[in-house]
Amino acid sequence: MKSNTFSFKLTEEEQGELVQLLRQSKYRPATVPHTQIAASLPDCRINLYNSGKLLVQGKGAEEWVTFTLETEILKEARLGYEDVFDPEASQPHMGIDESGKGDFFGPLVIASAYVNEELVEKLRAMGVRDSKKISSDNVALNMAKEIRKLLGDRCAMVTIGPRAYNRMYSKIRNVNKLLAWGHARAIENLLEKVPDCPRALSDKFGPTHQIERALMTKGKKIKLDQRTKAESDPAVAAASILARAGFLYALKKMGKTFDFEVPKGASEKVRRTAEKLVAKKGPAVLLETAKCHFKTTDQVLAEVGFSRKDLPPPT
């Protein structure tokens, strides 16, 4: 399936040149939140965000990127040349990413996905990209189904539910160490299915040795890489979508179990929802539904007339 969505990070100079380009009469101005400028053509939408991120979407997106953006702004060909900029991306390796780390409710989910040259080509054709760039939960869930169908047993997932998460955190007292443990398990689990995978790549969230120390016999033999913005790698992008889908499914199941609509993140809405939940079911329910080291826990308990002393120890 041909991709109709492309994103780029532009320099300040490139942003300025693009703004001038999009002010030409053939572009129709559009109003899009958080953009420096937004415009459209009959079959293409172009949004330049304040962050410098450029998002191009529509049936004509690829043609516009190839014949306008690359020739007039970037001054180089990038589309179709991903392997030139990152030659390791098409070589056999696995990517690891997580979802739920910043969410008060729900589990921490870590996924791993294996790719080779053939799989990378198919993932790119599907438009697989970092889950954080996918605004719709339904799009992420549907894309995760397609990824699982493509990869088969060449992916793995580790879900650390709230009770287990709170128990582990009470002993480790460090989110990055807990995350490293989850990454190591996701690597080990995938190596059971693809034992000859030579390399694992993840986003850099802490010292590499934290993951290395958590690896067991099989994992000790793999080359472990971490880098910032690793989600640009197709294997890591696939893992990010699988992890997000796993997290969303877990929230839905939790909502049915405890009879409430589970919001994502750690906003005021999340806090208000937690207050109603504790008022109805008691403070111990947080051990089953939330990550209790968040400061949100203290705020919620105080508002409902409790304190951390009223929380039973995680078991």
Protein backbone atom coordinates (compact mmCIF):
# COMPACT_ATOMS: atom_id res chain seq x y z
CA MET A 1 0.00 0.00 0.00
CA LYS A 2 1.38 3.36 -1.02
CA SER A 3 2.06 5.82 1.79
CA ASN A 4 0.21 9.14 1.62
CA THR A 5 1.86 10.69 4.68
CA PHE A 6 5.40 12.08 4.96
CA SER A 7 7.10 14.04 7.72
CA PHE A 8 10.37 15.97 7.83
CA LYS A 9 12.29 18.04 10.37
CA LEU A 10 13.34 21.30 8.73
CA THR A 11 16.12 23.70 9.68
CA GLU A 12 15.25 27.36 10.34
CA GLU A 13 16.51 28.31 6.90
CA GLU A 14 14.43 25.60 5.24
CA GLN A 15 11.37 26.69 7.23
CA GLY A 16 11.76 30.26 6.01
CA GLU A 17 12.09 29.16 2.39
CA LEU A 18 9.03 26.90 2.69
CA VAL A 19 6.93 29.71 4.17
CA GLN A 20 7.74 31.87 1.15
CA LEU A 21 6.93 28.99 -1.20
CA LEU A 22 3.55 28.27 0.37
CA ARG A 23 2.52 31.92 0.06
CA GLN A 24 2.41 31.56 -3.71
CA SER A 25 -1.05 31.92 -5.23
CA LYS A 26 -1.39 28.29 -6.29
CA TYR A 27 -1.51 27.22 -2.62
CA ARG A 28 -4.76 27.61 -0.69
CA PRO A 29 -4.15 28.92 2.87
CA ALA A 30 -5.50 26.76 5.72
CA THR A 31 -5.92 27.21 9.46
CA VAL A 32 -4.29 24.45 11.49
CA PRO A 33 -3.44 24.78 15.22
CA HIS A 34 0.24 25.11 16.21
CA THR A 35 1.46 25.74 12.65
CA GLN A 36 3.66 28.50 11.25
CA ILE A 37 1.83 28.07 7.97
CA ALA A 38 -0.59 25.57 6.48
CA ALA A 39 -1.68 25.27 2.88
CA SER A 40 -3.21 22.82 0.48
CA LEU A 41 -3.32 21.77 -3.14
CA PRO A 42 -6.23 19.82 -4.63
CA ASP A 43 -4.70 16.48 -3.61
CA CYS A 44 -2.17 17.47 -0.95
CA ARG A 45 -2.14 19.10 2.51
CA ILE A 46 1.04 20.77 3.79
CA ASN A 47 1.45 21.77 7.45
CA LEU A 48 4.61 23.38 8.84
CA TYR A 49 4.42 23.27 12.64
CA ASN A 50 6.02 25.69 15.10
CA SER A 51 8.43 22.91 16.11
CA GLY A 52 9.88 22.82 12.60
CA LYS A 53 8.14 19.57 11.75
CA LEU A 54 6.66 19.40 8.26
CA LEU A 55 3.72 17.07 7.64
CA VAL A 56 2.62 16.37 4.05
CA GLN A 57 -0.50 14.28 3.46
CA GLY A 58 -2.78 13.28 0.60
CA LYS A 59 -2.77 11.36 -2.67
CA GLY A 60 -0.42 13.90 -4.20
CA ALA A 61 1.95 14.06 -1.20
CA GLU A 62 4.67 11.87 -2.68
CA GLU A 63 4.71 13.81 -5.95
CA TRP A 64 4.90 17.16 -4.10
CA VAL A 65 7.72 15.93 -1.86
CA THR A 66 9.69 14.54 -4.81
CA PHE A 67 9.27 17.40 -7.28
CA THR A 68 8.85 20.44 -5.02
CA LEU A 69 10.12 19.94 -1.48
CA GLU A 70 13.26 18.00 -2.39
CA THR A 71 14.20 20.14 -5.39
CA GLU A 72 13.36 23.62 -4.05
CA ILE A 73 13.75 23.39 -0.26
CA LEU A 74 15.80 20.35 0.85
CA LYS A 75 18.11 20.49 -2.19
CA GLU A 76 18.57 16.73 -1.97
CA ALA A 77 16.61 13.55 -2.68
CA ARG A 78 15.46 11.77 0.48
CA LEU A 79 12.26 9.99 -0.45
CA GLY A 80 13.16 6.48 -1.56
CA TYR A 81 16.70 6.93 -0.27
CA GLU A 82 16.10 6.01 3.38
CA ASP A 83 18.75 3.30 3.19
CA VAL A 84 21.37 5.82 2.10
CA PHE A 85 20.76 7.95 5.21
CA ASP A 86 20.40 4.96 7.55
CA PRO A 87 21.86 1.84 5.87
CA GLU A 88 21.40 -0.30 8.99
CA ALA A 89 17.62 0.24 8.91
CA SER A 90 17.13 -2.45 6.25
CA GLN A 91 19.53 -4.94 7.76
CA PRO A 92 18.20 -7.68 10.07
CA HIS A 93 17.58 -6.32 13.57
CA MET A 94 14.87 -5.80 16.15
CA GLY A 95 13.40 -2.58 17.48
CA ILE A 96 12.04 -2.05 20.99
CA ASP A 97 9.72 0.66 22.25
CA GLU A 98 7.26 1.22 25.09
CA SER A 99 3.89 2.80 25.80
CA GLY A 100 2.29 3.93 29.04
CA LYS A 101 5.36 5.28 30.82
CA GLY A 102 3.86 8.74 31.21
CA ASP A 103 0.30 7.58 31.87
CA PHE A 104 -1.03 7.46 35.43
CA PHE A 105 -3.54 4.73 34.67
CA GLY A 106 -2.73 1.44 33.03
CA PRO A 107 0.29 -0.79 32.48
CA LEU A 108 3.72 -0.25 31.04
CA VAL A 109 3.85 -2.10 27.73
CA ILE A 110 7.11 -2.88 25.91
CA ALA A 111 7.11 -4.41 22.43
CA SER A 112 9.85 -5.74 20.18
CA ALA A 113 9.67 -6.23 16.41
CA TYR A 114 12.09 -7.97 14.05
CA VAL A 115 12.75 -6.74 10.50
CA ASN A 116 14.86 -7.59 7.50
CA GLU A 117 15.11 -5.92 4.10
CA GLU A 118 11.87 -7.45 2.80
CA LEU A 119 9.90 -6.59 5.94
CA VAL A 120 11.25 -3.01 6.04
CA GLU A 121 10.07 -2.44 2.49
CA LYS A 122 6.58 -3.68 3.37
CA LEU A 123 6.41 -1.67 6.61
CA ARG A 124 7.36 1.51 4.77
CA ALA A 125 4.72 0.79 2.13
CA MET A 126 2.18 0.51 4.97
CA GLY A 127 3.19 3.94 6.23
CA VAL A 128 4.46 2.60 9.56
CA ARG A 129 5.86 5.41 11.69
CA ASP A 130 6.37 6.29 15.33
CA SER A 131 3.08 5.83 17.23
CA LYS A 132 3.48 9.28 18.81
CA LYS A 133 2.93 10.75 15.34
CA ILE A 134 -0.40 8.91 15.02
CA SER A 135 -3.12 11.03 16.60
CA SER A 136 -5.96 8.53 16.24
CA ASP A 137 -6.21 5.51 18.53
CA ASN A 138 -8.24 3.66 15.90
CA VAL A 139 -5.54 4.24 13.29
CA ALA A 140 -2.91 2.89 15.70
CA LEU A 141 -5.02 -0.17 16.54
CA ASN A 142 -5.71 -0.96 12.89
CA MET A 143 -2.08 -0.46 11.93
CA ALA A 144 -1.00 -2.75 14.79
CA LYS A 145 -3.24 -5.49 13.36
CA GLU A 146 -1.57 -5.14 9.97
CA ILE A 147 1.89 -5.20 11.55
CA ARG A 148 1.11 -8.36 13.54
CA LYS A 149 -0.28 -9.97 10.39
CA LEU A 150 2.92 -9.10 8.50
CA LEU A 151 5.42 -10.05 11.22
CA GLY A 152 3.65 -13.16 12.48
CA ASP A 153 5.69 -14.56 15.36
CA ARG A 154 8.55 -12.12 14.73
CA CYS A 155 7.34 -9.75 17.44
CA ALA A 156 6.91 -9.93 21.21
CA MET A 157 5.27 -7.94 23.98
CA VAL A 158 5.83 -7.51 27.70
CA THR A 159 2.99 -6.01 29.75
CA ILE A 160 3.73 -4.89 33.31
CA GLY A 161 0.32 -4.37 34.88
CA PRO A 162 -0.23 -1.78 37.64
CA ARG A 163 0.04 -4.25 40.53
CA ALA A 164 3.28 -5.75 39.22
CA TYR A 165 4.55 -2.29 38.27
CA ASN A 166 3.93 -0.91 41.78
CA ARG A 167 5.53 -3.97 43.39
CA MET A 168 8.62 -3.70 41.19
CA TYR A 169 8.92 0.06 41.64
CA SER A 170 8.75 -0.30 45.44
CA LYS A 171 11.92 -2.42 45.19
CA ILE A 172 13.76 -0.72 42.31
CA ARG A 173 12.74 2.91 43.03
CA ASN A 174 13.80 3.96 39.52
CA VAL A 175 11.62 4.13 36.39
CA ASN A 176 14.54 3.77 33.96
CA LYS A 177 15.76 0.59 35.67
CA LEU A 178 12.24 -0.82 35.52
CA LEU A 179 12.03 0.16 31.87
CA ALA A 180 15.41 -1.46 31.20
CA TRP A 181 14.14 -4.69 32.75
CA GLY A 182 11.10 -4.61 30.45
CA HIS A 183 13.24 -3.91 27.38
CA ALA A 184 15.52 -6.80 28.27
CA ARG A 185 12.56 -9.18 28.60
CA ALA A 186 11.16 -8.03 25.24
CA ILE A 187 14.54 -8.72 23.65
CA GLU A 188 14.85 -12.14 25.26
CA ASN A 189 11.28 -13.10 24.28
CA LEU A 190 11.85 -12.20 20.64
CA LEU A 191 15.18 -14.02 20.56
CA GLU A 192 13.26 -17.18 21.46
CA LYS A 193 11.48 -16.78 18.12
CA VAL A 194 14.30 -15.25 16.04
CA PRO A 195 17.48 -16.59 17.68
CA ASP A 196 19.82 -15.35 14.94
CA CYS A 197 18.82 -11.66 15.25
CA PRO A 198 22.17 -9.82 15.47
CA ARG A 199 21.16 -6.40 16.81
CA ALA A 200 18.58 -4.63 18.97
CA LEU A 201 17.78 -0.91 18.76
CA SER A 202 15.78 1.25 21.17
CA ASP A 203 15.28 4.88 22.00
CA LYS A 204 17.84 6.20 24.47
CA PHE A 205 16.21 6.58 27.89
CA GLY A 206 19.18 5.85 30.13
CA PRO A 207 22.61 4.18 30.22
CA THR A 208 22.86 1.22 27.83
CA HIS A 209 24.41 -0.90 30.58
CA GLN A 210 21.06 -0.87 32.44
CA ILE A 211 19.53 -3.04 29.71
CA GLU A 212 22.70 -5.09 29.26
CA ARG A 213 22.75 -5.99 32.95
CA ALA A 214 19.12 -7.16 32.76
CA LEU A 215 19.73 -9.41 29.75
CA MET A 216 20.01 -13.16 30.23
CA THR A 217 22.01 -15.79 28.34
CA LYS A 218 20.53 -15.28 24.87
CA GLY A 219 20.50 -11.51 25.15
CA LYS A 220 24.15 -11.31 26.17
CA LYS A 221 25.12 -12.24 22.61
CA ILE A 222 23.17 -9.51 20.83
CA LYS A 223 24.54 -6.09 19.89
CA LEU A 224 22.54 -3.47 21.75
CA ASP A 225 22.18 0.06 20.37
CA GLN A 226 20.36 3.07 21.82
CA ARG A 227 19.92 6.42 20.13
CA THR A 228 17.73 9.49 20.37
CA LYS A 229 14.76 9.57 18.00
CA ALA A 230 15.17 5.87 17.30
CA GLU A 231 11.49 5.81 16.31
CA SER A 232 12.59 6.83 12.80
CA ASP A 233 13.87 3.26 12.44
CA PRO A 234 11.17 0.99 10.90
CA ALA A 235 11.61 -1.76 13.50
CA VAL A 236 11.34 0.67 16.41
CA ALA A 237 8.37 2.38 14.74
CA ALA A 238 6.62 -0.98 14.38
CA ALA A 239 7.35 -1.80 18.02
CA SER A 240 6.02 1.60 19.12
CA ILE A 241 2.69 0.95 17.38
CA LEU A 242 2.43 -2.58 18.80
CA ALA A 243 3.15 -1.27 22.29
CA ARG A 244 0.60 1.52 21.98
CA ALA A 245 -2.07 -0.92 20.78
CA GLY A 246 -1.28 -3.22 23.70
CA PHE A 247 -1.63 -0.29 26.09
CA LEU A 248 -4.95 0.80 24.59
CA TYR A 249 -6.37 -2.71 24.80
CA ALA A 250 -5.27 -2.91 28.44
CA LEU A 251 -7.04 0.37 29.27
CA LYS A 252 -10.23 -0.90 27.66
CA LYS A 253 -10.08 -4.12 29.67
CA MET A 254 -9.38 -2.20 32.88
CA GLY A 255 -12.36 0.03 32.25
CA LYS A 256 -14.65 -2.99 32.01
CA THR A 257 -13.17 -4.60 35.12
CA PHE A 258 -13.47 -1.53 37.34
CA ASP A 259 -16.47 0.05 35.61
CA PHE A 260 -15.04 3.42 34.60
CA GLU A 261 -13.81 5.17 31.46
CA VAL A 262 -10.04 5.22 31.71
CA PRO A 263 -8.41 8.45 30.44
CA LYS A 264 -4.85 8.54 29.13
CA GLY A 265 -1.98 10.72 30.35
CA ALA A 266 -1.66 12.50 33.70
CA SER A 267 -3.91 15.53 33.25
CA GLU A 268 -6.43 17.15 35.57
CA LYS A 269 -9.10 14.96 33.95
CA VAL A 270 -7.08 11.92 34.96
CA ARG A 271 -6.81 13.21 38.52
CA ARG A 272 -10.54 13.89 38.78
CA THR A 273 -11.33 10.43 37.44
CA ALA A 274 -8.98 8.86 39.99
CA GLU A 275 -10.61 10.83 42.81
CA LYS A 276 -14.05 9.47 41.87
CA LEU A 277 -12.63 5.95 41.63
CA VAL A 278 -10.99 6.12 45.07
CA ALA A 279 -14.10 7.67 46.64
CA LYS A 280 -16.13 4.77 45.28
CA LYS A 281 -13.78 1.83 45.78
CA GLY A 282 -11.19 2.95 48.36
CA PRO A 283 -7.49 3.84 48.05
CA ALA A 284 -6.35 0.25 47.41
CA VAL A 285 -7.92 0.40 43.95
CA LEU A 286 -4.99 2.59 42.82
CA LEU A 287 -2.62 -0.35 43.25
CA GLU A 288 -4.70 -2.23 40.67
CA THR A 289 -5.17 0.61 38.20
CA ALA A 290 -2.43 3.24 38.48
CA LYS A 291 1.31 3.85 38.77
CA CYS A 292 1.40 4.91 42.39
CA HIS A 293 4.80 6.64 42.40
CA PHE A 294 3.26 9.49 40.36
CA LYS A 295 2.67 12.64 42.43
CA THR A 296 -0.91 12.39 41.17
CA THR A 297 -1.40 9.67 43.79
CA ASP A 298 -0.75 12.07 46.67
CA GLN A 299 -3.03 14.70 45.14
CA VAL A 300 -5.85 12.21 44.62
CA LEU A 301 -5.60 10.69 48.09
CA ALA A 302 -5.48 14.10 49.79
CA GLU A 303 -8.53 15.33 47.89
CA VAL A 304 -10.59 12.32 48.98
CA GLY A 305 -9.40 12.41 52.58
CA PHE A 306 -6.68 9.76 52.54
CA SER A 307 -2.88 9.62 52.50
CA ARG A 308 -0.23 7.16 51.33
CA LYS A 309 -0.46 5.50 54.75
CA ASP A 310 -3.86 4.26 53.67
CA LEU A 311 -2.37 2.42 50.68
CA PRO A 312 -1.59 -1.23 51.47
CA PRO A 313 1.92 -2.37 50.51
CA PRO A 314 2.09 -3.62 46.89
CA THR A 315 2.21 -7.40 46.74
